[in-house]
Amino acid sequence: MTSVELPATQTLLGRVRQLWARITGAIKGRMPKGLYARSLLIIIVPMVALQSVVAFVFLERHWNSVTRKLSASVVQDIGAMIDVYQDVAKGADETRIKRIARDRFELTIDFLPGAELPAQSPRPFFSLLDHTLTNELGRKIRKPFWIDTVGQSNLVEIRIKLDNTVMRVFAPRNAAYASNSHIFMVWMVATSLVLLGVAILFLRNQIKPILQLADAAESFGKGREVPSFKPRGATEVRRASLAFIEMKRRIERTVDQRTTMLAGVSHDLRTLLTRFKLELALLGEGPEIDAMRSDVNEMERMLEDYLAFARGDSGEQSQATDVGKLLEQLASGAERSGHNVTSLFYGEPMVTLKPDAFARCVGNLVSNASRFAKDIVITGHRDHRYLTVTVDDNGPGIPAEMREEVFKPFLRLDNARNQDQGGTGLGLAIARDIARSHGGDITLADSPKGGLRAAIRVPV
């Protein structure tokens, strides 16, 4: 191969690969996405392909062969009667010829003296009988003829031009044509439908445990209970279900242990803070006492934030909640602190979630916005898949490169809205943790009001 041919070959291979990639991409784009539909396709496609091959072989080998033999037999009978008429009877006894044809060959023969053959009508495109009978007549009779295979449903009419007459023959269709082949097709289609119905029922029962496992995992990911879930189905599906149940138990056990530990820590620290408050109350009043009392209150607030972040929303059960009413309550609370707050909700307000935790999540965003903005708009929207809550303000906002960093625990920006004067830097971290425990997330973007937009989106 020369150096000129090599690039041409490479270019051709590249085009073939591109064409193949386009074809496979188009097929993948039209393939069903669900496991149930794909499993049915795996069963239906081989079944249809196999039956198509069987039907093709049957039609080509058996049906054509039988029809050819039957047509040849009818043509031989007609040829015999022509020979009898021309060579033996010499046209003297047509009645006897008709009787022999009727009794011996089941043919109805008539002679039309002086008649001519009719004009040949257009042949049916898919008529196997018409094609086969025409070939046999042309090969064995070798006289002008005319046939009609569609005029009468049960008979085939054949006219043959003899010397001074036209012999008209009516032959039974089933004597020249394998007319019972449709029974094979009916049985094949009927058995296919029965097998397909059995396959559909079987697949539904096999895939149902997989769907139940997926629903249970999705519900657990949204923080909801799945009390009715039990391992079902095939051995592999049962193993996966048991593994999910064991994983769920371990996670719940870990959360319970952490919650118990935090409850003990919270009790011990609050006991000490209570002693400090009592001792400060016994010391009387003074600038130093007021400063110490302020520090104790700050320590108590910081302790509550730390415990809330570490505890998350464990222990609370999901329930149907009126999110529109919840947003109105948060807006009223922010208005009491001197802010202009608007609350809007679109769609069905009843959503299954953890109400206290979700209120804390949205409340942290509203509280964060109220520190640096005067005007706040809280908007809720629920469709068939997601609940979306956005908090817009007209504050200074957060630089785009820092919008993911501010969700890190204890992070406080020096010159931005998360400075949280005297706070712990856990407000946004707690809000995102709650949103993710519901299977959603929180994102930050520019607000149409000129400040920051915080958007919560959780599946419903």
Protein backbone atom coordinates (compact mmCIF):
# COMPACT_ATOMS: atom_id res chain seq x y z
CA MET A 1 0.00 0.00 0.00
CA THR A 2 1.41 3.37 -0.98
CA SER A 3 1.57 6.44 1.22
CA VAL A 4 -1.26 8.01 -0.79
CA GLU A 5 -3.60 5.05 -0.24
CA LEU A 6 -3.00 4.89 3.53
CA PRO A 7 -4.57 8.30 4.42
CA ALA A 8 -7.52 7.51 2.14
CA THR A 9 -8.09 4.19 3.93
CA GLN A 10 -7.85 5.90 7.33
CA THR A 11 -10.35 8.54 6.19
CA LEU A 12 -12.76 5.83 5.02
CA LEU A 13 -12.44 3.97 8.34
CA GLY A 14 -13.06 7.22 10.20
CA ARG A 15 -16.23 7.86 8.22
CA VAL A 16 -17.40 4.29 8.85
CA ARG A 17 -16.82 4.75 12.59
CA GLN A 18 -18.72 8.04 12.57
CA LEU A 19 -21.61 6.46 10.69
CA TRP A 20 -21.66 3.52 13.09
CA ALA A 21 -21.58 5.90 16.07
CA ARG A 22 -24.54 7.82 14.64
CA ILE A 23 -26.52 4.64 14.02
CA THR A 24 -25.85 3.26 17.52
CA GLY A 25 -26.61 6.67 19.05
CA ALA A 26 -29.93 6.84 17.20
CA ILE A 27 -30.83 3.31 18.34
CA LYS A 28 -29.89 4.07 21.95
CA GLY A 29 -31.95 7.25 21.84
CA ARG A 30 -35.04 5.30 20.79
CA MET A 31 -34.53 2.38 23.15
CA PRO A 32 -36.81 2.25 26.21
CA LYS A 33 -35.22 3.36 29.46
CA GLY A 34 -37.16 1.24 31.94
CA LEU A 35 -36.09 -2.26 33.00
CA TYR A 36 -39.59 -3.65 32.40
CA ALA A 37 -39.75 -2.35 28.82
CA ARG A 38 -36.21 -3.52 28.06
CA SER A 39 -36.90 -6.98 29.45
CA LEU A 40 -40.01 -7.26 27.30
CA LEU A 41 -37.98 -6.16 24.30
CA ILE A 42 -35.40 -8.86 25.03
CA ILE A 43 -38.19 -11.45 24.92
CA ILE A 44 -40.26 -10.05 22.05
CA VAL A 45 -37.46 -9.36 19.55
CA PRO A 46 -36.02 -12.93 19.51
CA MET A 47 -39.55 -14.38 19.43
CA VAL A 48 -40.58 -12.25 16.46
CA ALA A 49 -37.27 -12.92 14.67
CA LEU A 50 -37.56 -16.68 15.21
CA GLN A 51 -41.16 -16.84 14.04
CA SER A 52 -40.39 -14.66 11.04
CA VAL A 53 -37.64 -17.05 9.99
CA VAL A 54 -39.90 -20.06 10.56
CA ALA A 55 -42.74 -18.46 8.60
CA PHE A 56 -40.39 -17.54 5.76
CA VAL A 57 -38.97 -21.05 5.56
CA PHE A 58 -42.47 -22.53 5.72
CA LEU A 59 -43.79 -20.28 2.97
CA GLU A 60 -40.78 -20.76 0.75
CA ARG A 61 -40.25 -24.47 1.23
CA HIS A 62 -43.54 -26.04 2.25
CA TRP A 63 -46.29 -23.75 1.02
CA ASN A 64 -44.71 -23.11 -2.37
CA SER A 65 -43.85 -26.76 -2.83
CA VAL A 66 -47.34 -27.99 -1.98
CA THR A 67 -49.01 -25.35 -4.13
CA ARG A 68 -46.72 -26.19 -7.05
CA LYS A 69 -47.52 -29.89 -6.79
CA LEU A 70 -51.26 -29.30 -6.51
CA SER A 71 -51.28 -26.92 -9.45
CA ALA A 72 -49.24 -29.38 -11.51
CA SER A 73 -51.74 -32.14 -10.70
CA VAL A 74 -54.69 -29.99 -11.79
CA VAL A 75 -52.91 -29.02 -14.99
CA GLN A 76 -52.14 -32.68 -15.72
CA ASP A 77 -55.81 -33.56 -15.29
CA ILE A 78 -56.79 -30.75 -17.63
CA GLY A 79 -54.17 -31.90 -20.13
CA ALA A 80 -55.51 -35.43 -19.98
CA MET A 81 -59.02 -34.21 -20.72
CA ILE A 82 -57.74 -32.18 -23.65
CA ASP A 83 -56.01 -35.24 -25.05
CA VAL A 84 -59.18 -37.27 -24.63
CA TYR A 85 -61.20 -34.60 -26.39
CA GLN A 86 -58.81 -34.14 -29.31
CA ASP A 87 -57.36 -37.59 -29.87
CA VAL A 88 -59.91 -40.08 -28.58
CA ALA A 89 -63.40 -38.64 -28.62
CA LYS A 90 -62.81 -36.46 -31.67
CA GLY A 91 -65.38 -34.11 -30.26
CA ALA A 92 -68.16 -36.67 -30.73
CA ASP A 93 -69.19 -37.20 -27.12
CA GLU A 94 -68.67 -34.03 -25.04
CA THR A 95 -71.20 -35.19 -22.44
CA ARG A 96 -69.14 -38.23 -21.61
CA ILE A 97 -65.97 -36.12 -21.28
CA LYS A 98 -67.75 -33.73 -18.90
CA ARG A 99 -68.96 -36.68 -16.82
CA ILE A 100 -65.50 -38.23 -16.61
CA ALA A 101 -63.98 -34.88 -15.61
CA ARG A 102 -66.64 -34.37 -12.95
CA ASP A 103 -66.56 -37.88 -11.48
CA ARG A 104 -62.88 -38.72 -11.75
CA PHE A 105 -61.09 -35.37 -11.49
CA GLU A 106 -63.67 -33.10 -9.74
CA LEU A 107 -63.46 -30.68 -12.65
CA THR A 108 -66.39 -28.87 -14.25
CA ILE A 109 -65.75 -28.68 -18.01
CA ASP A 110 -67.70 -26.82 -20.63
CA PHE A 111 -67.02 -26.23 -24.33
CA LEU A 112 -67.65 -22.85 -25.96
CA PRO A 113 -67.56 -23.29 -29.77
CA GLY A 114 -66.40 -20.24 -31.68
CA ALA A 115 -65.62 -18.27 -28.54
CA GLU A 116 -62.47 -16.27 -27.94
CA LEU A 117 -60.36 -15.89 -24.84
CA PRO A 118 -61.20 -12.85 -22.69
CA ALA A 119 -58.65 -10.13 -22.18
CA GLN A 120 -56.32 -11.04 -19.33
CA SER A 121 -57.05 -8.96 -16.22
CA PRO A 122 -54.17 -7.60 -14.10
CA ARG A 123 -52.64 -10.33 -12.01
CA PRO A 124 -52.59 -9.99 -8.23
CA PHE A 125 -49.11 -9.03 -7.05
CA PHE A 126 -48.97 -11.42 -4.11
CA SER A 127 -51.03 -14.29 -5.58
CA LEU A 128 -48.94 -17.45 -5.29
CA LEU A 129 -51.65 -19.54 -6.98
CA ASP A 130 -51.88 -17.24 -10.00
CA HIS A 131 -48.12 -17.28 -10.50
CA THR A 132 -47.70 -21.04 -10.03
CA LEU A 133 -50.73 -22.06 -12.13
CA THR A 134 -49.67 -19.78 -14.97
CA ASN A 135 -46.21 -21.35 -15.06
CA GLU A 136 -47.60 -24.90 -15.05
CA LEU A 137 -50.14 -24.17 -17.81
CA GLY A 138 -47.52 -22.54 -19.97
CA ARG A 139 -45.09 -25.42 -19.43
CA LYS A 140 -47.44 -28.41 -19.91
CA ILE A 141 -50.43 -27.32 -22.00
CA ARG A 142 -48.61 -24.98 -24.41
CA LYS A 143 -51.82 -23.50 -25.78
CA PRO A 144 -53.35 -20.06 -25.37
CA PHE A 145 -55.11 -19.84 -22.03
CA TRP A 146 -56.83 -17.44 -19.65
CA ILE A 147 -57.19 -17.87 -15.90
CA ASP A 148 -59.14 -16.16 -13.14
CA THR A 149 -58.09 -16.94 -9.56
CA VAL A 150 -59.97 -14.13 -7.81
CA GLY A 151 -63.41 -14.06 -9.42
CA GLN A 152 -64.94 -16.84 -7.31
CA SER A 153 -63.61 -17.56 -3.84
CA ASN A 154 -63.91 -21.38 -3.97
CA LEU A 155 -63.23 -22.00 -7.68
CA VAL A 156 -60.51 -21.31 -10.20
CA GLU A 157 -61.64 -20.64 -13.77
CA ILE A 158 -59.36 -21.70 -16.62
CA ARG A 159 -60.08 -21.21 -20.34
CA ILE A 160 -57.95 -22.92 -22.98
CA LYS A 161 -58.11 -22.14 -26.71
CA LEU A 162 -58.39 -25.31 -28.78
CA ASP A 163 -58.68 -25.58 -32.57
CA ASN A 164 -62.34 -24.65 -33.00
CA THR A 165 -63.58 -24.14 -29.47
CA VAL A 166 -62.66 -22.86 -26.02
CA MET A 167 -62.65 -25.34 -23.15
CA ARG A 168 -63.73 -23.74 -19.88
CA VAL A 169 -62.69 -25.52 -16.69
CA PHE A 170 -63.78 -24.80 -13.12
CA ALA A 171 -61.45 -26.42 -10.58
CA PRO A 172 -61.78 -26.29 -6.76
CA ARG A 173 -59.34 -23.81 -5.30
CA ASN A 174 -58.16 -26.20 -2.61
CA ALA A 175 -57.26 -28.75 -5.31
CA ALA A 176 -54.68 -26.35 -6.77
CA TYR A 177 -53.65 -24.34 -3.73
CA ALA A 178 -52.45 -25.11 -0.19
CA SER A 179 -55.39 -23.24 1.32
CA ASN A 180 -54.99 -24.55 4.89
CA SER A 181 -51.62 -22.89 5.40
CA HIS A 182 -53.33 -20.03 7.21
CA ILE A 183 -53.99 -22.46 10.07
CA PHE A 184 -50.26 -22.58 10.67
CA MET A 185 -50.12 -18.78 10.80
CA VAL A 186 -53.09 -18.61 13.16
CA TRP A 187 -51.56 -21.15 15.52
CA MET A 188 -48.21 -19.40 15.39
CA VAL A 189 -49.70 -15.98 16.19
CA ALA A 190 -52.02 -17.40 18.87
CA THR A 191 -49.23 -19.26 20.67
CA SER A 192 -47.04 -16.18 20.43
CA LEU A 193 -49.71 -14.06 22.11
CA VAL A 194 -50.15 -16.65 24.85
CA LEU A 195 -46.41 -16.88 25.46
CA LEU A 196 -46.15 -13.10 25.41
CA GLY A 197 -48.94 -12.80 27.98
CA VAL A 198 -47.22 -15.32 30.24
CA ALA A 199 -43.91 -13.47 29.81
CA ILE A 200 -45.53 -10.14 30.71
CA LEU A 201 -47.07 -11.56 33.88
CA PHE A 202 -43.81 -13.26 34.84
CA LEU A 203 -41.76 -10.13 34.22
CA ARG A 204 -44.16 -7.97 36.20
CA ASN A 205 -43.81 -10.27 39.19
CA GLN A 206 -40.03 -10.36 38.84
CA ILE A 207 -39.50 -6.63 38.35
CA LYS A 208 -41.99 -5.53 41.01
CA PRO A 209 -39.56 -6.32 43.91
CA ILE A 210 -36.85 -4.30 42.13
CA LEU A 211 -39.19 -1.32 41.85
CA GLN A 212 -40.14 -1.70 45.51
CA LEU A 213 -36.47 -1.71 46.46
CA ALA A 214 -35.88 1.43 44.40
CA ASP A 215 -38.89 3.15 46.01
CA ALA A 216 -37.69 2.16 49.49
CA ALA A 217 -34.18 3.49 48.81
CA GLU A 218 -35.62 6.71 47.40
CA SER A 219 -37.91 7.18 50.40
CA PHE A 220 -35.06 6.53 52.81
CA GLY A 221 -32.93 9.04 50.91
CA LYS A 222 -35.71 11.62 51.41
CA GLY A 223 -35.76 10.95 55.14
CA ARG A 224 -39.04 9.03 55.11
CA GLU A 225 -39.87 5.72 56.74
CA VAL A 226 -40.41 2.55 54.71
CA PRO A 227 -42.18 0.26 57.22
CA SER A 228 -43.87 -2.05 54.70
CA PHE A 229 -40.76 -2.98 52.72
CA LYS A 230 -39.86 -6.69 52.79
CA PRO A 231 -37.42 -8.73 50.67
CA ARG A 232 -39.24 -10.38 47.77
CA GLY A 233 -38.50 -11.82 44.36
CA ALA A 234 -35.49 -13.70 43.02
CA THR A 235 -32.48 -14.62 45.14
CA GLU A 236 -30.34 -11.76 43.81
CA VAL A 237 -33.10 -9.22 44.48
CA ARG A 238 -33.58 -10.60 47.99
CA ARG A 239 -29.87 -10.28 48.66
CA ALA A 240 -29.92 -6.66 47.51
CA SER A 241 -33.01 -5.98 49.65
CA LEU A 242 -31.43 -7.56 52.72
CA ALA A 243 -28.26 -5.54 52.14
CA PHE A 244 -30.34 -2.35 51.93
CA ILE A 245 -32.21 -3.19 55.14
CA GLU A 246 -28.95 -3.91 56.95
CA MET A 247 -27.42 -0.68 55.67
CA LYS A 248 -30.52 1.23 56.81
CA ARG A 249 -30.27 -0.31 60.28
CA ARG A 250 -26.60 0.58 60.59
CA ILE A 251 -27.21 4.17 59.55
CA GLU A 252 -30.12 4.50 61.96
CA ARG A 253 -28.06 2.89 64.75
CA THR A 254 -25.19 5.30 64.10
CA VAL A 255 -27.55 8.28 64.13
CA ASP A 256 -29.19 7.06 67.35
CA GLN A 257 -25.81 6.63 69.03
CA ARG A 258 -24.73 10.10 67.96
CA THR A 259 -28.02 11.61 69.11
CA THR A 260 -27.72 9.88 72.50
CA MET A 261 -24.16 11.11 72.92
CA LEU A 262 -25.11 14.65 71.96
CA ALA A 263 -28.05 14.60 74.35
CA GLY A 264 -25.67 13.68 77.18
CA VAL A 265 -23.18 16.37 76.18
CA SER A 266 -25.97 18.91 75.87
CA HIS A 267 -27.30 18.01 79.35
CA ASP A 268 -23.86 18.31 80.98
CA LEU A 269 -22.99 21.63 79.31
CA ARG A 270 -26.40 23.13 80.00
CA THR A 271 -26.02 22.15 83.66
CA LEU A 272 -22.76 24.10 83.84
CA LEU A 273 -24.28 27.09 82.04
CA THR A 274 -27.21 27.04 84.46
CA ARG A 275 -24.76 27.12 87.39
CA PHE A 276 -22.98 30.09 85.81
CA LYS A 277 -26.29 31.92 85.44
CA LEU A 278 -27.20 31.25 89.09
CA GLU A 279 -23.81 32.38 90.33
CA LEU A 280 -24.02 35.55 88.19
CA ALA A 281 -27.49 36.23 89.56
CA LEU A 282 -26.13 36.01 93.12
CA LEU A 283 -23.30 38.43 92.38
CA GLY A 284 -25.66 41.33 91.79
CA GLU A 285 -25.43 44.00 89.09
CA GLY A 286 -22.46 45.72 87.48
CA PRO A 287 -20.70 46.29 84.17
CA GLU A 288 -18.47 43.25 84.67
CA ILE A 289 -21.43 41.07 85.65
CA ASP A 290 -23.40 42.19 82.59
CA ALA A 291 -20.45 41.37 80.32
CA MET A 292 -20.10 37.93 81.89
CA ARG A 293 -23.86 37.36 81.56
CA SER A 294 -23.65 38.32 77.88
CA ASP A 295 -20.80 35.87 77.34
CA VAL A 296 -22.79 33.09 79.01
CA ASN A 297 -25.78 33.80 76.76
CA GLU A 298 -23.51 33.77 73.73
CA MET A 299 -22.02 30.45 74.82
CA GLU A 300 -25.52 29.01 75.22
CA ARG A 301 -26.53 30.15 71.75
CA MET A 302 -23.35 28.80 70.19
CA LEU A 303 -23.87 25.50 71.99
CA GLU A 304 -27.38 25.23 70.54
CA ASP A 305 -26.01 25.88 67.02
CA TYR A 306 -23.28 23.26 67.40
CA LEU A 307 -25.70 20.64 68.69
CA ALA A 308 -28.26 21.45 65.99
CA PHE A 309 -25.62 21.02 63.29
CA ALA A 310 -24.31 17.76 64.72
CA ARG A 311 -27.79 16.36 65.44
CA GLY A 312 -29.30 17.34 62.09
CA ASP A 313 -33.00 16.47 61.76
CA SER A 314 -32.81 13.01 63.31
CA GLY A 315 -35.80 11.80 65.27
CA GLU A 316 -38.43 13.80 63.38
CA GLN A 317 -40.87 11.89 61.16
CA SER A 318 -42.01 13.08 57.75
CA GLN A 319 -45.63 14.15 57.49
CA ALA A 320 -47.92 16.10 55.17
CA THR A 321 -47.15 19.78 55.69
CA ASP A 322 -48.75 22.96 54.35
CA VAL A 323 -45.63 24.62 52.95
CA GLY A 324 -47.52 27.75 51.93
CA LYS A 325 -48.63 28.35 55.52
CA LEU A 326 -45.11 27.58 56.79
CA LEU A 327 -43.62 30.23 54.48
CA GLU A 328 -46.22 32.77 55.63
CA GLN A 329 -45.23 32.16 59.25
CA LEU A 330 -41.55 32.67 58.46
CA ALA A 331 -42.39 35.86 56.56
CA SER A 332 -44.42 37.18 59.51
CA GLY A 333 -41.52 36.49 61.88
CA ALA A 334 -39.12 38.42 59.64
CA GLU A 335 -41.56 41.31 59.32
CA ARG A 336 -41.67 41.69 63.09
CA SER A 337 -37.95 42.45 62.99
CA GLY A 338 -38.56 45.42 60.69
CA HIS A 339 -38.07 43.91 57.21
CA ASN A 340 -40.25 44.08 54.11
CA VAL A 341 -41.04 40.44 53.43
CA THR A 342 -43.33 39.00 50.73
CA SER A 343 -44.43 35.37 50.70
CA LEU A 344 -45.86 33.63 47.61
CA PHE A 345 -46.68 30.02 46.84
CA TYR A 346 -47.79 28.33 43.60
CA GLY A 347 -49.21 24.84 43.23
CA GLU A 348 -50.41 22.25 45.73
CA PRO A 349 -49.06 23.34 49.17
CA MET A 350 -49.33 19.95 50.91
CA VAL A 351 -45.94 18.21 50.77
CA THR A 352 -44.62 15.26 52.78
CA LEU A 353 -41.49 16.38 54.67
CA LYS A 354 -40.14 17.01 58.16
CA PRO A 355 -41.89 20.26 59.08
CA ASP A 356 -39.66 21.49 61.91
CA ALA A 357 -36.46 20.68 60.10
CA PHE A 358 -37.67 22.25 56.84
CA ALA A 359 -38.84 25.35 58.71
CA ARG A 360 -35.37 25.64 60.25
CA CYS A 361 -33.81 25.23 56.80
CA VAL A 362 -35.86 28.04 55.22
CA GLY A 363 -35.64 30.08 58.42
CA ASN A 364 -31.83 30.02 58.31
CA LEU A 365 -31.90 31.38 54.75
CA VAL A 366 -34.40 34.09 55.70
CA SER A 367 -32.37 34.96 58.80
CA ASN A 368 -29.20 35.14 56.72
CA ALA A 369 -30.92 37.45 54.21
CA SER A 370 -32.44 39.66 56.94
CA ARG A 371 -28.98 40.51 58.34
CA PHE A 372 -27.89 42.22 55.16
CA ALA A 373 -31.04 43.23 53.25
CA LYS A 374 -34.20 45.20 53.85
CA ASP A 375 -36.47 43.66 51.22
CA ILE A 376 -36.98 39.88 51.06
CA VAL A 377 -39.21 37.76 48.80
CA ILE A 378 -39.96 34.12 49.70
CA THR A 379 -41.42 32.15 46.78
CA GLY A 380 -42.57 28.52 46.80
CA HIS A 381 -43.50 26.35 43.83
CA ARG A 382 -44.53 22.72 43.72
CA ASP A 383 -44.90 20.57 40.58
CA HIS A 384 -45.23 16.81 40.06
CA ARG A 385 -41.55 16.21 40.88
CA TYR A 386 -40.05 18.94 43.04
CA LEU A 387 -40.78 21.51 45.72
CA THR A 388 -38.76 24.66 45.12
CA VAL A 389 -38.42 27.52 47.62
CA THR A 390 -36.41 30.63 46.74
CA VAL A 391 -35.35 33.45 49.06
CA ASP A 392 -34.47 36.67 47.18
CA ASP A 393 -33.10 39.83 48.75
CA ASN A 394 -31.59 43.17 47.76
CA GLY A 395 -28.44 42.86 49.88
CA PRO A 396 -24.76 42.92 48.85
CA GLY A 397 -24.78 39.27 47.78
CA ILE A 398 -21.89 36.80 47.80
CA PRO A 399 -19.14 36.62 45.14
CA ALA A 400 -19.74 33.79 42.65
CA GLU A 401 -16.43 32.11 43.47
CA MET A 402 -17.38 31.89 47.16
CA ARG A 403 -20.93 30.55 46.84
CA GLU A 404 -19.92 26.96 47.47
CA GLU A 405 -17.37 27.81 50.14
CA VAL A 406 -19.95 29.48 52.39
CA PHE A 407 -21.67 26.14 52.95
CA LYS A 408 -18.64 24.78 54.79
CA PRO A 409 -19.16 24.58 58.57
CA PHE A 410 -17.69 27.42 60.67
CA LEU A 411 -16.71 29.42 57.57
CA ARG A 412 -17.26 33.17 58.02
CA LEU A 413 -16.53 35.63 55.24
CA ASP A 414 -14.85 38.86 56.29
CA ASN A 415 -16.67 41.25 53.97
CA ALA A 416 -19.74 39.31 52.89
CA ARG A 417 -23.19 38.43 54.10
CA ASN A 418 -22.13 35.26 55.94
CA GLN A 419 -20.08 37.20 58.44
CA ASP A 420 -22.81 36.41 60.97
CA GLN A 421 -21.80 38.90 63.61
CA GLY A 422 -21.14 37.00 66.79
CA GLY A 423 -22.42 33.78 65.12
CA THR A 424 -20.87 30.43 64.43
CA GLY A 425 -20.99 30.30 60.64
CA LEU A 426 -23.27 27.24 60.69
CA GLY A 427 -26.53 28.70 59.33
CA LEU A 428 -26.02 27.79 55.66
CA ALA A 429 -24.31 24.50 56.54
CA ILE A 430 -27.29 23.44 58.66
CA ALA A 431 -29.74 24.52 55.93
CA ARG A 432 -27.96 22.49 53.24
CA ASP A 433 -27.66 19.48 55.56
CA ILE A 434 -31.43 19.53 56.13
CA ALA A 435 -32.16 19.97 52.41
CA ARG A 436 -29.92 17.03 51.51
CA SER A 437 -31.50 14.86 54.20
CA HIS A 438 -34.76 15.40 52.26
CA GLY A 439 -33.05 14.25 49.04
CA GLY A 440 -32.60 17.79 47.70
CA ASP A 441 -30.04 20.58 47.80
CA ILE A 442 -29.52 24.34 48.11
CA THR A 443 -27.92 26.54 45.45
CA LEU A 444 -26.95 30.22 45.46
CA ALA A 445 -27.30 32.58 42.49
CA ASP A 446 -27.87 36.23 41.60
CA SER A 447 -31.28 37.56 42.56
CA PRO A 448 -33.53 39.64 40.26
CA LYS A 449 -33.75 42.08 43.19
CA GLY A 450 -30.01 42.74 42.94
CA GLY A 451 -28.84 40.65 45.88
CA LEU A 452 -28.60 36.94 46.49
CA ARG A 453 -31.01 34.15 45.60
CA ALA A 454 -30.96 31.02 47.76
CA ALA A 455 -32.97 28.18 46.17
CA ILE A 456 -34.06 25.00 47.96
CA ARG A 457 -35.22 22.12 45.77
CA VAL A 458 -36.38 18.82 47.25
CA PRO A 459 -38.26 15.94 45.57
CA VAL A 460 -41.89 15.43 46.56
